[in-house]
C-alpha atoms as a PDB file:
ATOM      1  CA  MET A   1      20.092  38.918  76.874  1.00  0.00           C
ATOM      2  CA  ARG A   2      18.901  37.760  73.329  1.00  0.00           C
ATOM      3  CA  HIS A   3      15.864  39.507  72.042  1.00  0.00           C
ATOM      4  CA  ALA A   4      13.195  38.417  69.898  1.00  0.00           C
ATOM      5  CA  ARG A   5       9.848  39.581  68.008  1.00  0.00           C
ATOM      6  CA  VAL A   6       6.542  38.125  69.052  1.00  0.00           C
ATOM      7  CA  LEU A   7       4.133  37.562  66.535  1.00  0.00           C
ATOM      8  CA  GLY A   8       0.271  37.483  67.629  1.00  0.00           C
ATOM      9  CA  PHE A   9      -1.668  35.219  66.094  1.00  0.00           C
ATOM     10  CA  ALA A  10      -5.495  35.602  64.877  1.00  0.00           C
ATOM     11  CA  GLY A  11      -6.571  31.970  66.248  1.00  0.00           C
ATOM     12  CA  LEU A  12      -6.409  33.733  69.740  1.00  0.00           C
ATOM     13  CA  ALA A  13      -9.310  35.604  68.925  1.00  0.00           C
ATOM     14  CA  ALA A  14     -11.916  33.070  69.720  1.00  0.00           C
ATOM     15  CA  ALA A  15     -10.466  32.715  73.133  1.00  0.00           C
ATOM     16  CA  ALA A  16     -10.604  36.763  73.586  1.00  0.00           C
ATOM     17  CA  VAL A  17     -14.242  36.318  72.535  1.00  0.00           C
ATOM     18  CA  ALA A  18     -15.059  34.141  76.248  1.00  0.00           C
ATOM     19  CA  VAL A  19     -13.702  37.060  78.108  1.00  0.00           C
ATOM     20  CA  VAL A  20     -14.330  40.253  76.107  1.00  0.00           C
ATOM     21  CA  ALA A  21     -17.505  40.914  78.209  1.00  0.00           C
ATOM     22  CA  TYR A  22     -15.103  41.819  81.274  1.00  0.00           C
ATOM     23  CA  ALA A  23     -14.344  44.964  79.402  1.00  0.00           C
ATOM     24  CA  GLN A  24     -17.848  45.398  77.665  1.00  0.00           C
ATOM     25  CA  THR A  25     -20.059  45.364  80.564  1.00  0.00           C
ATOM     26  CA  THR A  26     -18.001  48.412  81.923  1.00  0.00           C
ATOM     27  CA  VAL A  27     -17.539  50.278  79.015  1.00  0.00           C
ATOM     28  CA  ALA A  28     -20.011  49.740  75.510  1.00  0.00           C
ATOM     29  CA  PRO A  29     -18.800  50.829  72.140  1.00  0.00           C
ATOM     30  CA  LEU A  30     -20.641  53.759  70.509  1.00  0.00           C
ATOM     31  CA  PRO A  31     -22.529  52.830  67.080  1.00  0.00           C
ATOM     32  CA  GLU A  32     -20.125  53.516  64.431  1.00  0.00           C
ATOM     33  CA  GLU A  33     -22.436  55.330  62.601  1.00  0.00           C
ATOM     34  CA  ASN A  34     -23.209  58.062  64.802  1.00  0.00           C
ATOM     35  CA  PRO A  35     -20.110  60.894  63.921  1.00  0.00           C
ATOM     36  CA  VAL A  36     -20.623  62.667  67.023  1.00  0.00           C
ATOM     37  CA  GLU A  37     -20.034  61.634  71.119  1.00  0.00           C
ATOM     38  CA  THR A  38     -17.782  59.460  69.896  1.00  0.00           C
ATOM     39  CA  VAL A  39     -14.917  59.459  72.775  1.00  0.00           C
ATOM     40  CA  PRO A  40     -16.034  58.597  76.495  1.00  0.00           C
ATOM     41  CA  LEU A  41     -14.978  62.073  77.712  1.00  0.00           C
ATOM     42  CA  GLU A  42     -17.245  64.543  80.361  1.00  0.00           C
ATOM     43  CA  SER A  43     -17.283  67.979  78.794  1.00  0.00           C
ATOM     44  CA  VAL A  44     -14.154  70.228  80.507  1.00  0.00           C
ATOM     45  CA  GLY A  45     -15.264  73.441  78.786  1.00  0.00           C
ATOM     46  CA  SER A  46     -16.853  73.850  75.579  1.00  0.00           C
ATOM     47  CA  GLU A  47     -13.628  74.528  73.064  1.00  0.00           C
ATOM     48  CA  LEU A  48     -12.706  70.597  75.093  1.00  0.00           C
ATOM     49  CA  ASP A  49     -15.736  68.890  74.860  1.00  0.00           C
ATOM     50  CA  LEU A  50     -15.446  65.839  72.143  1.00  0.00           C
ATOM     51  CA  SER A  51     -18.759  65.009  72.553  1.00  0.00           C
ATOM     52  CA  GLN A  52     -19.630  68.093  69.766  1.00  0.00           C
ATOM     53  CA  THR A  53     -16.526  67.183  67.237  1.00  0.00           C
ATOM     54  CA  VAL A  54     -17.288  64.515  64.526  1.00  0.00           C
ATOM     55  CA  TRP A  55     -14.535  62.107  63.147  1.00  0.00           C
ATOM     56  CA  GLY A  56     -10.724  63.614  62.462  1.00  0.00           C
ATOM     57  CA  ASP A  57      -9.745  64.782  59.628  1.00  0.00           C
ATOM     58  CA  ALA A  58      -6.210  62.768  58.786  1.00  0.00           C
ATOM     59  CA  GLN A  59      -4.827  65.358  55.651  1.00  0.00           C
ATOM     60  CA  ALA A  60      -5.751  68.196  58.048  1.00  0.00           C
ATOM     61  CA  GLY A  61      -4.584  66.229  61.333  1.00  0.00           C
ATOM     62  CA  GLN A  62      -1.022  66.227  59.413  1.00  0.00           C
ATOM     63  CA  GLY A  63      -0.036  70.139  59.464  1.00  0.00           C
ATOM     64  CA  LYS A  64      -1.528  70.489  63.257  1.00  0.00           C
ATOM     65  CA  ALA A  65       0.736  67.078  63.874  1.00  0.00           C
ATOM     66  CA  SER A  66       3.995  69.149  63.264  1.00  0.00           C
ATOM     67  CA  VAL A  67       4.140  70.052  66.922  1.00  0.00           C
ATOM     68  CA  CYS A  68       3.925  66.627  67.859  1.00  0.00           C
ATOM     69  CA  ALA A  69       7.374  65.656  65.896  1.00  0.00           C
ATOM     70  CA  ALA A  70       9.927  66.584  68.192  1.00  0.00           C
ATOM     71  CA  CYS A  71       8.864  63.979  70.744  1.00  0.00           C
ATOM     72  CA  HIS A  72       6.466  61.619  68.700  1.00  0.00           C
ATOM     73  CA  ALA A  73       8.259  61.794  65.229  1.00  0.00           C
ATOM     74  CA  ALA A  74       6.760  63.133  61.986  1.00  0.00           C
ATOM     75  CA  ASP A  75       4.663  59.356  61.371  1.00  0.00           C
ATOM     76  CA  GLY A  76       4.406  58.665  65.386  1.00  0.00           C
ATOM     77  CA  ASN A  77       6.824  56.058  65.534  1.00  0.00           C
ATOM     78  CA  SER A  78       8.924  57.882  68.114  1.00  0.00           C
ATOM     79  CA  ILE A  79      12.792  56.459  68.656  1.00  0.00           C
ATOM     80  CA  VAL A  80      12.757  58.109  72.365  1.00  0.00           C
ATOM     81  CA  PRO A  81      11.516  55.282  74.564  1.00  0.00           C
ATOM     82  CA  MET A  82       9.869  57.329  77.080  1.00  0.00           C
ATOM     83  CA  TYR A  83       7.512  58.963  74.676  1.00  0.00           C
ATOM     84  CA  PRO A  84       5.018  56.703  73.123  1.00  0.00           C
ATOM     85  CA  ARG A  85       4.379  55.638  69.928  1.00  0.00           C
ATOM     86  CA  LEU A  86       1.201  57.369  67.924  1.00  0.00           C
ATOM     87  CA  ALA A  87       1.543  55.468  64.460  1.00  0.00           C
ATOM     88  CA  GLY A  88      -1.348  53.372  64.487  1.00  0.00           C
ATOM     89  CA  GLN A  89      -3.493  54.155  67.550  1.00  0.00           C
ATOM     90  CA  SER A  90      -6.910  54.642  68.063  1.00  0.00           C
ATOM     91  CA  GLU A  91      -8.211  58.289  66.785  1.00  0.00           C
ATOM     92  CA  ARG A  92     -10.844  58.091  69.719  1.00  0.00           C
ATOM     93  CA  TYR A  93      -7.655  57.219  72.133  1.00  0.00           C
ATOM     94  CA  ILE A  94      -5.443  59.842  71.326  1.00  0.00           C
ATOM     95  CA  ALA A  95      -8.026  62.922  71.345  1.00  0.00           C
ATOM     96  CA  HIS A  96      -9.216  61.611  74.919  1.00  0.00           C
ATOM     97  CA  GLN A  97      -6.016  61.569  76.144  1.00  0.00           C
ATOM     98  CA  MET A  98      -4.908  64.982  74.336  1.00  0.00           C
ATOM     99  CA  ALA A  99      -8.313  66.244  75.926  1.00  0.00           C
ATOM    100  CA  LEU A 100      -7.517  64.819  79.259  1.00  0.00           C
ATOM    101  CA  ILE A 101      -3.904  66.220  78.939  1.00  0.00           C
ATOM    102  CA  ALA A 102      -4.928  70.185  78.530  1.00  0.00           C
ATOM    103  CA  SER A 103      -7.201  69.606  80.967  1.00  0.00           C
ATOM    104  CA  GLY A 104      -5.200  68.718  83.560  1.00  0.00           C
ATOM    105  CA  GLN A 105      -6.601  65.602  84.531  1.00  0.00           C
ATOM    106  CA  ARG A 106      -3.778  63.607  83.688  1.00  0.00           C
ATOM    107  CA  ASN A 107      -0.583  65.519  84.691  1.00  0.00           C
ATOM    108  CA  SER A 108       1.871  62.826  85.980  1.00  0.00           C
ATOM    109  CA  GLY A 109       5.555  62.249  84.586  1.00  0.00           C
ATOM    110  CA  ALA A 110       6.568  63.093  81.047  1.00  0.00           C
ATOM    111  CA  VAL A 111       2.844  64.537  80.216  1.00  0.00           C
ATOM    112  CA  VAL A 112       3.711  67.834  81.972  1.00  0.00           C
ATOM    113  CA  ALA A 113       5.917  68.717  78.662  1.00  0.00           C
ATOM    114  CA  MET A 114       3.135  68.400  76.459  1.00  0.00           C
ATOM    115  CA  VAL A 115       0.721  70.418  78.395  1.00  0.00           C
ATOM    116  CA  PRO A 116       1.485  73.946  76.074  1.00  0.00           C
ATOM    117  CA  PHE A 117       1.338  71.982  73.383  1.00  0.00           C
ATOM    118  CA  VAL A 118      -2.224  70.728  73.355  1.00  0.00           C
ATOM    119  CA  GLN A 119      -4.061  73.498  75.332  1.00  0.00           C
ATOM    120  CA  GLY A 120      -3.866  75.874  72.462  1.00  0.00           C
ATOM    121  CA  LEU A 121      -6.050  73.010  70.699  1.00  0.00           C
ATOM    122  CA  THR A 122      -9.743  72.657  70.120  1.00  0.00           C
ATOM    123  CA  ALA A 123     -11.186  69.254  70.240  1.00  0.00           C
ATOM    124  CA  GLN A 124     -11.651  69.225  66.874  1.00  0.00           C
ATOM    125  CA  ASP A 125      -7.970  69.464  66.275  1.00  0.00           C
ATOM    126  CA  MET A 126      -7.500  67.033  68.297  1.00  0.00           C
ATOM    127  CA  ARG A 127      -9.630  64.761  66.641  1.00  0.00           C
ATOM    128  CA  ASP A 128      -8.163  65.319  63.537  1.00  0.00           C
ATOM    129  CA  ILE A 129      -4.060  65.080  64.707  1.00  0.00           C
ATOM    130  CA  GLY A 130      -5.500  61.449  66.455  1.00  0.00           C
ATOM    131  CA  ALA A 131      -7.321  60.688  62.537  1.00  0.00           C
ATOM    132  CA  TYR A 132      -3.709  61.170  60.601  1.00  0.00           C
ATOM    133  CA  PHE A 133      -1.394  59.472  63.764  1.00  0.00           C
ATOM    134  CA  ALA A 134      -4.007  56.524  63.292  1.00  0.00           C
ATOM    135  CA  THR A 135      -3.580  56.493  59.372  1.00  0.00           C
ATOM    136  CA  GLN A 136       0.315  55.859  59.925  1.00  0.00           C
ATOM    137  CA  THR A 137       1.565  52.188  60.225  1.00  0.00           C
ATOM    138  CA  GLY A 138       3.319  51.346  63.698  1.00  0.00           C
ATOM    139  CA  GLY A 139       6.135  49.563  63.935  1.00  0.00           C
ATOM    140  CA  ALA A 140       7.298  47.139  66.862  1.00  0.00           C
ATOM    141  CA  GLY A 141      10.409  46.738  69.123  1.00  0.00           C
ATOM    142  CA  LEU A 142      11.942  43.699  70.660  1.00  0.00           C
ATOM    143  CA  ALA A 143      11.175  41.194  73.271  1.00  0.00           C
ATOM    144  CA  ASP A 144      13.453  40.078  75.742  1.00  0.00           C
ATOM    145  CA  ASP A 145      13.691  36.128  75.324  1.00  0.00           C
ATOM    146  CA  GLY A 146      16.249  35.332  78.112  1.00  0.00           C
ATOM    147  CA  VAL A 147      15.397  33.075  80.298  1.00  0.00           C
ATOM    148  CA  VAL A 148      14.675  33.645  83.841  1.00  0.00           C
ATOM    149  CA  ALA A 149      17.087  32.616  86.444  1.00  0.00           C
ATOM    150  CA  ASP A 150      15.322  32.571  89.915  1.00  0.00           C
ATOM    151  CA  GLY A 151      11.975  33.220  91.505  1.00  0.00           C
ATOM    152  CA  PRO A 152       8.756  32.111  90.516  1.00  0.00           C
ATOM    153  CA  TYR A 153       9.013  32.071  86.744  1.00  0.00           C
ATOM    154  CA  ALA A 154      12.556  30.417  86.458  1.00  0.00           C
ATOM    155  CA  GLY A 155      13.638  28.725  83.018  1.00  0.00           C
ATOM    156  CA  MET A 156      10.808  30.840  81.210  1.00  0.00           C
ATOM    157  CA  LYS A 157      12.081  33.146  78.815  1.00  0.00           C
ATOM    158  CA  PHE A 158      11.436  36.884  80.230  1.00  0.00           C
ATOM    159  CA  TYR A 159       9.047  37.822  77.795  1.00  0.00           C
ATOM    160  CA  GLU A 160       7.082  34.456  78.176  1.00  0.00           C
ATOM    161  CA  ILE A 161       6.009  35.719  81.474  1.00  0.00           C
ATOM    162  CA  GLY A 162       4.256  38.779  79.699  1.00  0.00           C
ATOM    163  CA  GLN A 163       3.242  36.748  77.251  1.00  0.00           C
ATOM    164  CA  GLN A 164       1.276  34.284  79.369  1.00  0.00           C
ATOM    165  CA  LEU A 165      -0.612  37.163  81.598  1.00  0.00           C
ATOM    166  CA  TYR A 166      -1.343  38.534  78.290  1.00  0.00           C
ATOM    167  CA  ARG A 167      -3.001  36.159  77.154  1.00  0.00           C
ATOM    168  CA  SER A 168      -4.018  33.861  79.717  1.00  0.00           C
ATOM    169  CA  GLY A 169      -4.191  36.473  82.853  1.00  0.00           C
ATOM    170  CA  ASP A 170      -4.129  35.075  86.131  1.00  0.00           C
ATOM    171  CA  ALA A 171      -7.734  33.908  87.309  1.00  0.00           C
ATOM    172  CA  SER A 172      -6.221  33.290  90.942  1.00  0.00           C
ATOM    173  CA  ARG A 173      -5.562  36.715  91.516  1.00  0.00           C
ATOM    174  CA  GLU A 174      -8.655  38.200  89.108  1.00  0.00           C
ATOM    175  CA  ILE A 175      -6.469  39.797  86.645  1.00  0.00           C
ATOM    176  CA  PRO A 176      -7.973  39.012  82.785  1.00  0.00           C
ATOM    177  CA  ALA A 177      -6.605  38.518  79.940  1.00  0.00           C
ATOM    178  CA  CYS A 178      -4.905  41.796  78.096  1.00  0.00           C
ATOM    179  CA  MET A 179      -6.455  40.499  74.814  1.00  0.00           C
ATOM    180  CA  ALA A 180      -9.337  40.719  75.833  1.00  0.00           C
ATOM    181  CA  CYS A 181      -9.663  43.995  75.592  1.00  0.00           C
ATOM    182  CA  HIS A 182      -6.471  44.953  73.194  1.00  0.00           C
ATOM    183  CA  GLY A 183      -7.002  41.694  70.945  1.00  0.00           C
ATOM    184  CA  PRO A 184      -4.765  39.048  70.332  1.00  0.00           C
ATOM    185  CA  THR A 185      -2.181  41.443  68.055  1.00  0.00           C
ATOM    186  CA  GLY A 186      -2.122  44.072  70.563  1.00  0.00           C
ATOM    187  CA  ALA A 187      -4.112  46.249  67.678  1.00  0.00           C
ATOM    188  CA  GLY A 188      -6.583  47.897  70.890  1.00  0.00           C
ATOM    189  CA  ASN A 189     -10.224  48.173  70.180  1.00  0.00           C
ATOM    190  CA  PRO A 190     -11.418  51.798  68.564  1.00  0.00           C
ATOM    191  CA  GLY A 191     -14.694  51.635  70.263  1.00  0.00           C
ATOM    192  CA  PRO A 192     -14.729  51.246  73.414  1.00  0.00           C
ATOM    193  CA  ALA A 193     -11.426  53.834  73.356  1.00  0.00           C
ATOM    194  CA  TYR A 194      -8.940  50.812  74.582  1.00  0.00           C
ATOM    195  CA  PRO A 195      -5.437  51.330  72.733  1.00  0.00           C
ATOM    196  CA  ARG A 196      -3.213  49.776  70.512  1.00  0.00           C
ATOM    197  CA  LEU A 197      -0.144  48.409  72.683  1.00  0.00           C
ATOM    198  CA  GLY A 198       1.329  45.841  69.854  1.00  0.00           C
ATOM    199  CA  GLY A 199       4.897  47.693  69.284  1.00  0.00           C
ATOM    200  CA  GLN A 200       4.586  49.936  72.207  1.00  0.00           C
ATOM    201  CA  HIS A 201       8.036  50.947  73.933  1.00  0.00           C
ATOM    202  CA  GLN A 202       8.445  49.022  77.062  1.00  0.00           C
ATOM    203  CA  GLU A 203       9.720  51.890  79.180  1.00  0.00           C
ATOM    204  CA  TYR A 204       6.581  54.123  78.285  1.00  0.00           C
ATOM    205  CA  LEU A 205       4.400  50.764  78.674  1.00  0.00           C
ATOM    206  CA  VAL A 206       5.994  50.136  82.198  1.00  0.00           C
ATOM    207  CA  THR A 207       5.536  53.745  83.512  1.00  0.00           C
ATOM    208  CA  ARG A 208       1.915  53.327  82.327  1.00  0.00           C
ATOM    209  CA  LEU A 209       1.287  49.978  84.211  1.00  0.00           C
ATOM    210  CA  GLN A 210       3.022  51.277  87.820  1.00  0.00           C
ATOM    211  CA  GLU A 211       0.459  54.405  87.101  1.00  0.00           C
ATOM    212  CA  TYR A 212      -2.732  52.326  87.004  1.00  0.00           C
ATOM    213  CA  ARG A 213      -1.077  50.198  89.562  1.00  0.00           C
ATOM    214  CA  THR A 214      -1.252  52.872  92.339  1.00  0.00           C
ATOM    215  CA  GLY A 215      -4.909  53.402  91.383  1.00  0.00           C
ATOM    216  CA  THR A 216      -4.922  56.935  92.268  1.00  0.00           C
ATOM    217  CA  THR A 217      -6.097  59.193  89.592  1.00  0.00           C
ATOM    218  CA  THR A 218      -7.856  63.020  89.140  1.00  0.00           C
ATOM    219  CA  GLN A 219      -9.621  62.061  86.164  1.00  0.00           C
ATOM    220  CA  THR A 220     -13.441  63.614  86.558  1.00  0.00           C
ATOM    221  CA  ASP A 221     -14.520  60.550  84.858  1.00  0.00           C
ATOM    222  CA  PRO A 222     -11.801  57.528  85.657  1.00  0.00           C
ATOM    223  CA  ALA A 223     -14.192  54.531  84.537  1.00  0.00           C
ATOM    224  CA  LEU A 224     -11.462  53.858  81.941  1.00  0.00           C
ATOM    225  CA  PHE A 225      -8.465  54.512  84.483  1.00  0.00           C
ATOM    226  CA  ASN A 226     -10.373  52.246  87.185  1.00  0.00           C
ATOM    227  CA  ILE A 227      -9.998  48.995  84.625  1.00  0.00           C
ATOM    228  CA  MET A 228      -6.513  48.999  84.343  1.00  0.00           C
ATOM    229  CA  ALA A 229      -5.857  49.827  87.794  1.00  0.00           C
ATOM    230  CA  GLN A 230      -7.965  46.732  88.578  1.00  0.00           C
ATOM    231  CA  VAL A 231      -5.949  44.599  86.135  1.00  0.00           C
ATOM    232  CA  ALA A 232      -2.898  45.926  87.136  1.00  0.00           C
ATOM    233  CA  HIS A 233      -3.248  46.075  91.072  1.00  0.00           C
ATOM    234  CA  SER A 234      -1.752  42.830  91.415  1.00  0.00           C
ATOM    235  CA  LEU A 235       0.973  42.948  88.958  1.00  0.00           C
ATOM    236  CA  THR A 236       4.656  42.677  90.238  1.00  0.00           C
ATOM    237  CA  ASP A 237       7.640  44.682  88.966  1.00  0.00           C
ATOM    238  CA  GLN A 238       8.556  41.583  87.390  1.00  0.00           C
ATOM    239  CA  GLU A 239       5.647  40.923  85.643  1.00  0.00           C
ATOM    240  CA  ILE A 240       5.036  44.771  84.588  1.00  0.00           C
ATOM    241  CA  GLN A 241       8.536  44.475  82.935  1.00  0.00           C
ATOM    242  CA  ALA A 242       7.887  41.080  81.051  1.00  0.00           C
ATOM    243  CA  LEU A 243       4.400  42.056  79.918  1.00  0.00           C
ATOM    244  CA  SER A 244       5.798  45.823  78.444  1.00  0.00           C
ATOM    245  CA  SER A 245       8.716  43.298  76.937  1.00  0.00           C
ATOM    246  CA  TYR A 246       6.219  41.149  75.465  1.00  0.00           C
ATOM    247  CA  LEU A 247       3.940  43.975  74.367  1.00  0.00           C
ATOM    248  CA  GLN A 248       7.352  45.970  72.885  1.00  0.00           C
ATOM    249  CA  GLY A 249       8.145  42.726  69.997  1.00  0.00           C
ATOM    250  CA  LEU A 250       4.106  42.146  69.289  1.00  0.00           C
ATOM    251  CA  HIS A 251       2.773  42.533  66.098  1.00  0.00           C
ATOM    252  CA  ASP A 252       0.760  40.882  63.829  1.00  0.00           C
ATOM    253  CA  ARG A 253       2.620  38.705  60.867  1.00  0.00           C
ATOM    254  CA  ALA A 254       1.071  40.783  58.375  1.00  0.00           C
ATOM    255  CA  ASP A 255       2.830  44.396  59.796  1.00  0.00           C
ATOM    256  CA  ASP A 256       5.967  42.290  58.233  1.00  0.00           C
ATOM    257  CA  ALA A 257       4.515  41.618  54.521  1.00  0.00           C
ATOM    258  CA  ALA A 258       3.626  46.069  55.096  1.00  0.00           C
ATOM    259  CA  GLY A 259       7.106  46.799  56.415  1.00  0.00           C
ATOM    260  CA  GLY A 260       5.387  48.089  59.714  1.00  0.00           C
ATOM    261  CA  GLY A 261       7.074  45.464  62.275  1.00  0.00           C
ATOM    262  CA  SER A 262      10.698  45.246  60.192  1.00  0.00           C
ATOM    263  CA  GLU A 263      12.743  48.183  60.999  1.00  0.00           C
ATOM    264  CA  THR A 264      15.530  47.823  63.537  1.00  0.00           C
ATOM    265  CA  VAL A 265      14.560  49.906  66.707  1.00  0.00           C
ATOM    266  CA  ALA A 266      15.863  50.180  70.085  1.00  0.00           C
ATOM    267  CA  ALA A 267      15.653  46.467  71.928  1.00  0.00           C
ATOM    268  CA  ALA A 268      14.748  46.908  75.727  1.00  0.00           C
ATOM    269  CA  ALA A 269      17.287  46.803  78.211  1.00  0.00           C
ATOM    270  CA  HIS A 270      17.817  43.756  80.677  1.00  0.00           C
END
């Protein structure tokens, strides 16, 4: 099948405003001027109490992030699709996920390999590493634009199935538009720590959506997980694949000018 890049459009932001309340009523963003209590994570021990940290230092984080390079690449643009891109990701989201992995609250799939690398880190180390990757320019992959031959989406291009769900959701199944939380271009929302999805590897996104669809978590504070579990529980395998393909190719047009979305990367296999 052929593949294509998918551009996000700033004009879609107006539509997102209409549905963003769905998420805002569940997890409210914290004030920007407050440098403490910036990650919604229950304390799991003083060394991992992110509420006692301050905004991450990207310069300090660059050295600390050297252990991440083997899987995520030095700049966070991993080339192995099972490992997520971290470049351009929210500092808060990265620190939150590292703390969950270190505490054993996130323990499925490939994250097991991260445990020995994160268990020796302090909460501030996690913020610093998150800050470093947040300053890096995230790339984008390619979306599958092959035509679907049969089924409920026959005649649509494969990525268009995902595009439809991302932009509009499906009211009949109580699936909100993904862009309500993650933005028209997939840039995410650093306030309530909703991650950047645009340009993320399809394989990684499929795994995460399947995990959310199970609705099972060991997190002691599952508020953020439960939002995604509610969104994903009605998605079919085909929709998860298509949504992930669309997101892999999604990027802001400005990324091309900056060089962030111009590299050639592995395409989705379909």
